[in-house]
Amino acid sequence: MVVGISEALLQRPVRSLLDVGCGEAPWRAALRALRPRARYTGVDSSDYVVRRFGTARNIRLGTFGALGALNFRGKFDVVVCCDVLQYVPSVELRTGLEAISAVLGGVAFLEAYTTADEIEGDRRAWHERSPAQYRRAFAAAGLTSVGMQCWVGDALKPMTTALERAGR
């Protein structure tokens, strides 16, 4: 879905993907199956993950809040961040979203669970945020919703419709 949305807006195949909070990099395998020549870069805060899989899977050590310090090479067609945002403190949320916006040349898939979602699972270190709080944080970082938890930055904003830009 994310690759399809990205390619529809980019009007070309996806060439690069940044996976923030990648763990063992399951998105890498999915991307390789769809676009074998696309460049994958993962970022994870786990020393173990980087030590075990870093070289083979192109995973760098880093946190969401310190993404801007990683000095990525160029823009990414896709930025993925799954099951991370609800564990990020507010100050790091802002700086991490700004860093994502700065390297985003296509579509960001930002999975975010809010106080309005009925979820089960690990709630330790969970930061309760309403849908409106996330929308404000994403907008402050220059991100525009295109639906299905996908967002675009300035590069693709002209490809969106007025209805998408209106938010809610």
N, C-alpha and C. Protein backbone atom coordinates (compact mmCIF):
# COMPACT_ATOMS: atom_id res chain seq x y z
N MET A 1 0.83 -1.19 0.00
CA MET A 1 0.00 0.00 0.00
C MET A 1 0.88 1.26 0.00
N VAL A 2 1.88 1.30 0.90
CA VAL A 2 2.72 2.48 1.03
C VAL A 2 3.53 2.71 -0.24
N VAL A 3 4.08 1.65 -0.80
CA VAL A 3 4.83 1.78 -2.05
C VAL A 3 3.89 2.25 -3.16
N GLY A 4 2.68 1.70 -3.21
CA GLY A 4 1.71 2.09 -4.24
C GLY A 4 1.32 3.56 -4.14
N ILE A 5 1.03 4.03 -2.92
CA ILE A 5 0.69 5.44 -2.72
C ILE A 5 1.88 6.32 -3.11
N SER A 6 3.07 5.92 -2.69
CA SER A 6 4.28 6.69 -3.00
C SER A 6 4.50 6.79 -4.49
N GLU A 7 4.39 5.66 -5.19
CA GLU A 7 4.63 5.67 -6.63
C GLU A 7 3.56 6.42 -7.39
N ALA A 8 2.33 6.39 -6.89
CA ALA A 8 1.27 7.16 -7.54
C ALA A 8 1.56 8.66 -7.45
N LEU A 9 2.04 9.11 -6.30
CA LEU A 9 2.33 10.53 -6.13
C LEU A 9 3.65 10.93 -6.77
N LEU A 10 4.66 10.06 -6.68
CA LEU A 10 5.97 10.36 -7.29
C LEU A 10 5.94 10.22 -8.81
N GLN A 11 5.00 9.42 -9.30
CA GLN A 11 4.85 9.12 -10.73
C GLN A 11 6.09 8.42 -11.28
N ARG A 12 6.66 7.54 -10.44
CA ARG A 12 7.81 6.71 -10.82
C ARG A 12 8.01 5.66 -9.73
N PRO A 13 8.84 4.65 -10.00
CA PRO A 13 9.09 3.64 -8.97
C PRO A 13 9.86 4.21 -7.77
N VAL A 14 9.62 3.64 -6.61
CA VAL A 14 10.33 4.01 -5.39
C VAL A 14 11.79 3.58 -5.52
N ARG A 15 12.69 4.49 -5.16
CA ARG A 15 14.13 4.22 -5.24
C ARG A 15 14.81 4.14 -3.87
N SER A 16 14.15 4.67 -2.82
CA SER A 16 14.80 4.70 -1.50
C SER A 16 13.75 4.70 -0.39
N LEU A 17 14.13 4.08 0.73
CA LEU A 17 13.24 4.00 1.88
C LEU A 17 14.05 4.15 3.16
N LEU A 18 13.57 5.01 4.06
CA LEU A 18 14.13 5.16 5.39
C LEU A 18 13.15 4.56 6.38
N ASP A 19 13.61 3.64 7.20
CA ASP A 19 12.79 2.93 8.17
C ASP A 19 13.24 3.33 9.57
N VAL A 20 12.44 4.14 10.25
CA VAL A 20 12.79 4.68 11.57
C VAL A 20 12.18 3.79 12.65
N GLY A 21 13.06 3.28 13.53
CA GLY A 21 12.61 2.31 14.52
C GLY A 21 12.44 0.95 13.87
N CYS A 22 13.38 0.59 13.03
CA CYS A 22 13.24 -0.55 12.11
C CYS A 22 13.32 -1.91 12.76
N GLY A 23 13.86 -2.02 13.97
CA GLY A 23 14.04 -3.34 14.56
C GLY A 23 14.91 -4.19 13.65
N GLU A 24 14.51 -5.40 13.38
CA GLU A 24 15.29 -6.31 12.54
C GLU A 24 15.05 -6.09 11.05
N ALA A 25 14.34 -5.05 10.71
CA ALA A 25 14.14 -4.59 9.33
C ALA A 25 13.18 -5.42 8.48
N PRO A 26 11.98 -5.72 8.97
CA PRO A 26 11.01 -6.43 8.12
C PRO A 26 10.60 -5.64 6.88
N TRP A 27 10.61 -4.30 6.95
CA TRP A 27 10.27 -3.49 5.78
C TRP A 27 11.31 -3.66 4.67
N ARG A 28 12.54 -3.96 5.05
CA ARG A 28 13.60 -4.16 4.06
C ARG A 28 13.25 -5.34 3.14
N ALA A 29 12.82 -6.44 3.73
CA ALA A 29 12.46 -7.62 2.94
C ALA A 29 11.28 -7.32 2.02
N ALA A 30 10.29 -6.61 2.54
CA ALA A 30 9.12 -6.27 1.73
C ALA A 30 9.51 -5.35 0.57
N LEU A 31 10.36 -4.36 0.85
CA LEU A 31 10.82 -3.45 -0.20
C LEU A 31 11.63 -4.21 -1.24
N ARG A 32 12.53 -5.08 -0.81
CA ARG A 32 13.36 -5.86 -1.73
C ARG A 32 12.50 -6.73 -2.67
N ALA A 33 11.40 -7.26 -2.13
CA ALA A 33 10.52 -8.09 -2.95
C ALA A 33 9.84 -7.26 -4.05
N LEU A 34 9.49 -6.02 -3.72
CA LEU A 34 8.80 -5.15 -4.67
C LEU A 34 9.76 -4.38 -5.57
N ARG A 35 10.81 -3.83 -4.98
CA ARG A 35 11.77 -2.99 -5.70
C ARG A 35 13.19 -3.41 -5.32
N PRO A 36 13.70 -4.48 -5.92
CA PRO A 36 15.00 -5.05 -5.52
C PRO A 36 16.17 -4.08 -5.56
N ARG A 37 16.11 -3.06 -6.41
CA ARG A 37 17.24 -2.13 -6.53
C ARG A 37 17.10 -0.89 -5.66
N ALA A 38 15.99 -0.78 -4.93
CA ALA A 38 15.78 0.39 -4.08
C ALA A 38 16.75 0.37 -2.89
N ARG A 39 17.19 1.55 -2.49
CA ARG A 39 18.11 1.71 -1.36
C ARG A 39 17.31 1.72 -0.06
N TYR A 40 17.70 0.85 0.88
CA TYR A 40 17.06 0.76 2.19
C TYR A 40 18.03 1.27 3.25
N THR A 41 17.54 2.12 4.14
CA THR A 41 18.30 2.57 5.29
C THR A 41 17.42 2.43 6.52
N GLY A 42 17.92 1.73 7.51
CA GLY A 42 17.19 1.58 8.76
C GLY A 42 17.86 2.36 9.87
N VAL A 43 17.06 2.76 10.85
CA VAL A 43 17.57 3.42 12.05
C VAL A 43 16.89 2.76 13.23
N ASP A 44 17.69 2.37 14.23
CA ASP A 44 17.11 1.77 15.43
C ASP A 44 17.96 2.17 16.63
N SER A 45 17.31 2.25 17.78
CA SER A 45 18.00 2.66 19.01
C SER A 45 18.62 1.49 19.75
N SER A 46 18.46 0.28 19.24
CA SER A 46 18.97 -0.91 19.91
C SER A 46 20.41 -1.23 19.47
N ASP A 47 21.32 -1.22 20.44
CA ASP A 47 22.70 -1.61 20.15
C ASP A 47 22.75 -3.03 19.58
N TYR A 48 21.91 -3.91 20.14
CA TYR A 48 21.89 -5.30 19.67
C TYR A 48 21.52 -5.37 18.19
N VAL A 49 20.45 -4.70 17.81
CA VAL A 49 20.00 -4.73 16.41
C VAL A 49 21.10 -4.24 15.48
N VAL A 50 21.73 -3.14 15.82
CA VAL A 50 22.78 -2.58 14.97
C VAL A 50 23.99 -3.51 14.92
N ARG A 51 24.37 -4.04 16.07
CA ARG A 51 25.51 -4.96 16.11
C ARG A 51 25.22 -6.23 15.30
N ARG A 52 24.02 -6.78 15.42
CA ARG A 52 23.67 -8.05 14.79
C ARG A 52 23.33 -7.91 13.30
N PHE A 53 22.59 -6.84 12.94
CA PHE A 53 22.08 -6.71 11.57
C PHE A 53 22.55 -5.46 10.84
N GLY A 54 23.22 -4.56 11.52
CA GLY A 54 23.56 -3.26 10.97
C GLY A 54 24.24 -3.29 9.62
N THR A 55 25.34 -3.98 9.51
CA THR A 55 26.09 -4.01 8.26
C THR A 55 25.33 -4.71 7.14
N ALA A 56 24.79 -5.86 7.42
CA ALA A 56 24.10 -6.66 6.40
C ALA A 56 22.81 -6.01 5.91
N ARG A 57 22.13 -5.26 6.79
CA ARG A 57 20.83 -4.69 6.44
C ARG A 57 20.84 -3.17 6.38
N ASN A 58 21.99 -2.55 6.46
CA ASN A 58 22.15 -1.10 6.42
C ASN A 58 21.30 -0.41 7.50
N ILE A 59 21.54 -0.80 8.75
CA ILE A 59 20.84 -0.23 9.88
C ILE A 59 21.83 0.59 10.70
N ARG A 60 21.45 1.84 10.98
CA ARG A 60 22.29 2.75 11.75
C ARG A 60 21.70 2.94 13.14
N LEU A 61 22.57 3.22 14.10
CA LEU A 61 22.15 3.47 15.47
C LEU A 61 21.63 4.90 15.57
N GLY A 62 20.45 5.06 16.16
CA GLY A 62 19.89 6.39 16.34
C GLY A 62 18.53 6.34 16.98
N THR A 63 18.09 7.47 17.48
CA THR A 63 16.77 7.59 18.08
C THR A 63 15.90 8.50 17.23
N PHE A 64 14.63 8.47 17.47
CA PHE A 64 13.69 9.31 16.72
C PHE A 64 14.04 10.79 16.89
N GLY A 65 14.31 11.18 18.11
CA GLY A 65 14.58 12.59 18.38
C GLY A 65 15.90 13.08 17.83
N ALA A 66 16.83 12.16 17.54
CA ALA A 66 18.15 12.55 17.04
C ALA A 66 18.34 12.23 15.56
N LEU A 67 17.26 12.03 14.82
CA LEU A 67 17.36 11.72 13.39
C LEU A 67 18.12 12.80 12.62
N GLY A 68 17.92 14.03 12.99
CA GLY A 68 18.56 15.14 12.28
C GLY A 68 20.08 15.11 12.35
N ALA A 69 20.63 14.44 13.36
CA ALA A 69 22.08 14.37 13.53
C ALA A 69 22.72 13.25 12.71
N LEU A 70 21.91 12.45 12.03
CA LEU A 70 22.45 11.30 11.31
C LEU A 70 22.97 11.65 9.91
N ASN A 71 22.74 12.85 9.45
CA ASN A 71 23.28 13.31 8.17
C ASN A 71 23.06 12.33 7.02
N PHE A 72 21.81 12.11 6.69
CA PHE A 72 21.47 11.21 5.60
C PHE A 72 21.89 11.79 4.27
N ARG A 73 22.18 10.92 3.32
CA ARG A 73 22.57 11.32 1.98
C ARG A 73 21.31 11.46 1.12
N GLY A 74 20.92 12.66 0.83
CA GLY A 74 19.78 12.91 -0.06
C GLY A 74 18.44 12.70 0.61
N LYS A 75 17.42 12.74 -0.24
CA LYS A 75 16.03 12.58 0.20
C LYS A 75 15.61 11.12 0.02
N PHE A 76 14.55 10.74 0.73
CA PHE A 76 13.99 9.39 0.63
C PHE A 76 12.62 9.46 -0.01
N ASP A 77 12.35 8.50 -0.90
CA ASP A 77 11.03 8.40 -1.52
C ASP A 77 9.98 7.98 -0.51
N VAL A 78 10.37 7.13 0.42
CA VAL A 78 9.46 6.63 1.46
C VAL A 78 10.18 6.71 2.80
N VAL A 79 9.46 7.20 3.81
CA VAL A 79 9.92 7.13 5.19
C VAL A 79 8.85 6.37 5.95
N VAL A 80 9.28 5.32 6.66
CA VAL A 80 8.37 4.48 7.42
C VAL A 80 8.72 4.60 8.90
N CYS A 81 7.69 4.74 9.73
CA CYS A 81 7.89 4.77 11.17
C CYS A 81 6.69 4.06 11.81
N CYS A 82 6.90 2.79 12.18
CA CYS A 82 5.81 1.96 12.71
C CYS A 82 6.02 1.62 14.18
N ASP A 83 4.96 1.76 14.95
CA ASP A 83 4.94 1.40 16.37
C ASP A 83 6.05 2.10 17.15
N VAL A 84 6.24 3.37 16.88
CA VAL A 84 7.29 4.15 17.54
C VAL A 84 6.73 5.42 18.17
N LEU A 85 5.93 6.17 17.43
CA LEU A 85 5.56 7.53 17.83
C LEU A 85 4.91 7.64 19.20
N GLN A 86 4.12 6.66 19.59
CA GLN A 86 3.46 6.74 20.89
C GLN A 86 4.42 6.57 22.06
N TYR A 87 5.67 6.15 21.78
CA TYR A 87 6.68 5.99 22.83
C TYR A 87 7.68 7.16 22.86
N VAL A 88 7.49 8.12 21.98
CA VAL A 88 8.44 9.23 21.85
C VAL A 88 7.96 10.42 22.68
N PRO A 89 8.82 10.95 23.58
CA PRO A 89 8.44 12.16 24.33
C PRO A 89 8.17 13.33 23.38
N SER A 90 7.38 14.28 23.83
CA SER A 90 6.92 15.39 22.97
C SER A 90 8.05 16.19 22.34
N VAL A 91 9.10 16.51 23.10
CA VAL A 91 10.22 17.29 22.55
C VAL A 91 10.91 16.50 21.43
N GLU A 92 11.07 15.20 21.60
CA GLU A 92 11.69 14.38 20.56
C GLU A 92 10.74 14.19 19.38
N LEU A 93 9.44 14.17 19.63
CA LEU A 93 8.47 14.05 18.54
C LEU A 93 8.64 15.22 17.58
N ARG A 94 8.73 16.40 18.12
CA ARG A 94 8.89 17.60 17.28
C ARG A 94 10.17 17.54 16.46
N THR A 95 11.30 17.28 17.11
CA THR A 95 12.57 17.29 16.38
C THR A 95 12.65 16.13 15.39
N GLY A 96 12.12 14.97 15.75
CA GLY A 96 12.13 13.83 14.83
C GLY A 96 11.25 14.07 13.62
N LEU A 97 10.07 14.66 13.82
CA LEU A 97 9.19 14.96 12.68
C LEU A 97 9.82 16.01 11.77
N GLU A 98 10.50 16.98 12.35
CA GLU A 98 11.20 17.98 11.53
C GLU A 98 12.29 17.32 10.70
N ALA A 99 13.02 16.38 11.29
CA ALA A 99 14.07 15.66 10.57
C ALA A 99 13.49 14.81 9.45
N ILE A 100 12.36 14.16 9.72
CA ILE A 100 11.69 13.37 8.68
C ILE A 100 11.27 14.28 7.54
N SER A 101 10.65 15.40 7.87
CA SER A 101 10.22 16.34 6.84
C SER A 101 11.40 16.80 5.99
N ALA A 102 12.55 16.99 6.61
CA ALA A 102 13.73 17.48 5.89
C ALA A 102 14.28 16.46 4.90
N VAL A 103 14.12 15.17 5.17
CA VAL A 103 14.67 14.14 4.27
C VAL A 103 13.60 13.49 3.40
N LEU A 104 12.36 13.96 3.53
CA LEU A 104 11.25 13.35 2.81
C LEU A 104 11.10 13.94 1.41
N GLY A 105 11.28 13.08 0.42
CA GLY A 105 11.06 13.49 -0.96
C GLY A 105 9.81 12.86 -1.54
N GLY A 106 9.15 12.03 -0.75
CA GLY A 106 7.98 11.30 -1.21
C GLY A 106 6.92 11.21 -0.13
N VAL A 107 6.66 9.98 0.34
CA VAL A 107 5.57 9.71 1.27
C VAL A 107 6.12 9.14 2.58
N ALA A 108 5.62 9.66 3.69
CA ALA A 108 5.94 9.12 5.01
C ALA A 108 4.75 8.32 5.52
N PHE A 109 5.00 7.09 5.91
CA PHE A 109 3.98 6.25 6.57
C PHE A 109 4.27 6.34 8.05
N LEU A 110 3.44 7.11 8.76
CA LEU A 110 3.65 7.38 10.19
C LEU A 110 2.51 6.76 10.98
N GLU A 111 2.74 5.54 11.44
CA GLU A 111 1.74 4.82 12.21
C GLU A 111 1.67 5.44 13.60
N ALA A 112 0.55 6.03 13.93
CA ALA A 112 0.39 6.70 15.21
C ALA A 112 -0.92 6.28 15.86
N TYR A 113 -0.83 5.81 17.08
CA TYR A 113 -2.03 5.43 17.83
C TYR A 113 -2.34 6.52 18.84
N THR A 114 -3.61 6.86 18.95
CA THR A 114 -4.04 8.01 19.73
C THR A 114 -4.94 7.59 20.89
N THR A 115 -5.32 8.56 21.69
CA THR A 115 -6.24 8.32 22.80
C THR A 115 -7.61 7.89 22.30
N ALA A 116 -7.90 8.12 21.03
CA ALA A 116 -9.20 7.73 20.46
C ALA A 116 -9.19 6.31 19.90
N ASP A 117 -8.02 5.66 19.89
CA ASP A 117 -7.91 4.29 19.36
C ASP A 117 -8.02 3.28 20.50
N GLU A 118 -8.76 2.20 20.24
CA GLU A 118 -8.84 1.11 21.20
C GLU A 118 -7.77 0.10 20.85
N ILE A 119 -6.71 0.11 21.63
CA ILE A 119 -5.58 -0.77 21.34
C ILE A 119 -5.27 -1.65 22.54
N GLU A 120 -4.63 -2.76 22.26
CA GLU A 120 -4.13 -3.63 23.31
C GLU A 120 -2.64 -3.77 23.09
N GLY A 121 -1.91 -3.92 24.16
CA GLY A 121 -0.47 -4.11 24.02
C GLY A 121 0.31 -3.35 25.07
N ASP A 122 1.58 -3.24 24.83
CA ASP A 122 2.51 -2.62 25.76
C ASP A 122 2.24 -1.13 25.88
N ARG A 123 1.87 -0.70 27.08
CA ARG A 123 1.59 0.72 27.30
C ARG A 123 2.63 1.36 28.22
N ARG A 124 3.72 0.64 28.53
CA ARG A 124 4.79 1.24 29.33
C ARG A 124 5.47 2.31 28.49
N ALA A 125 5.77 3.43 29.10
CA ALA A 125 6.44 4.57 28.44
C ALA A 125 5.59 5.14 27.29
N TRP A 126 4.31 4.90 27.30
CA TRP A 126 3.37 5.36 26.29
C TRP A 126 3.07 6.83 26.54
N HIS A 127 3.05 7.63 25.48
CA HIS A 127 2.70 9.04 25.59
C HIS A 127 1.32 9.23 24.97
N GLU A 128 0.37 9.55 25.83
CA GLU A 128 -1.02 9.73 25.39
C GLU A 128 -1.13 11.01 24.57
N ARG A 129 -1.59 10.87 23.32
CA ARG A 129 -1.83 12.04 22.47
C ARG A 129 -3.15 11.84 21.73
N SER A 130 -3.86 12.92 21.59
CA SER A 130 -5.13 12.88 20.86
C SER A 130 -4.84 12.96 19.35
N PRO A 131 -5.84 12.61 18.53
CA PRO A 131 -5.65 12.79 17.09
C PRO A 131 -5.28 14.24 16.74
N ALA A 132 -5.90 15.19 17.42
CA ALA A 132 -5.62 16.61 17.14
C ALA A 132 -4.17 16.96 17.48
N GLN A 133 -3.63 16.39 18.55
CA GLN A 133 -2.24 16.67 18.91
C GLN A 133 -1.29 16.15 17.84
N TYR A 134 -1.54 14.95 17.33
CA TYR A 134 -0.69 14.43 16.25
C TYR A 134 -0.84 15.27 14.99
N ARG A 135 -2.08 15.63 14.63
CA ARG A 135 -2.27 16.45 13.43
C ARG A 135 -1.51 17.78 13.53
N ARG A 136 -1.56 18.40 14.71
CA ARG A 136 -0.83 19.66 14.91
C ARG A 136 0.69 19.44 14.80
N ALA A 137 1.18 18.36 15.38
CA ALA A 137 2.62 18.06 15.32
C ALA A 137 3.06 17.79 13.89
N PHE A 138 2.26 17.03 13.15
CA PHE A 138 2.60 16.73 11.75
C PHE A 138 2.55 18.01 10.91
N ALA A 139 1.53 18.82 11.12
CA ALA A 139 1.40 20.09 10.37
C ALA A 139 2.55 21.03 10.69
N ALA A 140 2.94 21.12 11.95
CA ALA A 140 4.05 21.98 12.34
C ALA A 140 5.36 21.57 11.67
N ALA A 141 5.48 20.27 11.35
CA ALA A 141 6.67 19.77 10.66
C ALA A 141 6.54 19.91 9.15
N GLY A 142 5.42 20.46 8.68
CA GLY A 142 5.23 20.66 7.25
C GLY A 142 4.69 19.45 6.51
N LEU A 143 4.02 18.56 7.23
CA LEU A 143 3.49 17.33 6.62
C LEU A 143 2.00 17.47 6.34
N THR A 144 1.58 16.94 5.19
CA THR A 144 0.19 17.00 4.76
C THR A 144 -0.34 15.58 4.62
N SER A 145 -1.49 15.31 5.18
CA SER A 145 -2.08 13.97 5.13
C SER A 145 -2.58 13.63 3.73
N VAL A 146 -2.32 12.40 3.31
CA VAL A 146 -2.91 11.89 2.07
C VAL A 146 -3.71 10.62 2.37
N GLY A 147 -3.99 10.38 3.66
CA GLY A 147 -4.81 9.25 4.08
C GLY A 147 -4.01 8.00 4.40
N MET A 148 -4.66 7.07 5.06
CA MET A 148 -4.08 5.76 5.42
C MET A 148 -2.76 5.90 6.17
N GLN A 149 -2.66 6.90 7.05
CA GLN A 149 -1.47 7.19 7.85
C GLN A 149 -0.27 7.61 7.00
N CYS A 150 -0.53 8.05 5.79
CA CYS A 150 0.54 8.52 4.89
C CYS A 150 0.51 10.05 4.83
N TRP A 151 1.72 10.62 4.76
CA TRP A 151 1.90 12.07 4.78
C TRP A 151 2.93 12.46 3.74
N VAL A 152 2.79 13.64 3.19
CA VAL A 152 3.79 14.16 2.25
C VAL A 152 4.33 15.47 2.79
N GLY A 153 5.53 15.81 2.32
CA GLY A 153 6.14 17.08 2.67
C GLY A 153 6.00 18.07 1.53
N ASP A 154 6.83 19.09 1.55
CA ASP A 154 6.75 20.16 0.56
C ASP A 154 6.92 19.66 -0.88
N ALA A 155 7.77 18.64 -1.08
CA ALA A 155 8.05 18.16 -2.44
C ALA A 155 6.80 17.65 -3.15
N LEU A 156 5.91 16.99 -2.40
CA LEU A 156 4.71 16.43 -3.04
C LEU A 156 3.42 17.14 -2.65
N LYS A 157 3.50 18.14 -1.83
CA LYS A 157 2.29 18.87 -1.43
C LYS A 157 1.48 19.36 -2.64
N PRO A 158 2.15 19.83 -3.72
CA PRO A 158 1.37 20.26 -4.89
C PRO A 158 0.57 19.12 -5.54
N MET A 159 0.93 17.87 -5.24
CA MET A 159 0.21 16.72 -5.81
C MET A 159 -1.05 16.39 -5.02
N THR A 160 -1.25 17.04 -3.87
CA THR A 160 -2.43 16.77 -3.04
C THR A 160 -3.59 17.65 -3.47
N THR A 161 -4.76 17.26 -3.01
CA THR A 161 -5.96 18.06 -3.32
C THR A 161 -6.27 19.01 -2.17
N ALA A 162 -7.09 19.97 -2.43
CA ALA A 162 -7.49 20.92 -1.39
C ALA A 162 -8.16 20.21 -0.22
N LEU A 163 -8.91 19.17 -0.52
CA LEU A 163 -9.59 18.41 0.54
C LEU A 163 -8.57 17.76 1.47
N GLU A 164 -7.50 17.20 0.92
CA GLU A 164 -6.46 16.59 1.75
C GLU A 164 -5.75 17.66 2.58
N ARG A 165 -5.46 18.79 1.99
CA ARG A 165 -4.75 19.85 2.70
C ARG A 165 -5.60 20.49 3.79
N ALA A 166 -6.92 20.36 3.71
CA ALA A 166 -7.81 20.98 4.67
C ALA A 166 -7.71 20.33 6.05
N GLY A 167 -7.28 19.06 6.10
CA GLY A 167 -7.19 18.37 7.39
C GLY A 167 -8.54 18.24 8.03
N ARG A 168 -8.56 18.18 9.35
CA ARG A 168 -9.80 18.07 10.09
C ARG A 168 -9.62 18.53 11.48
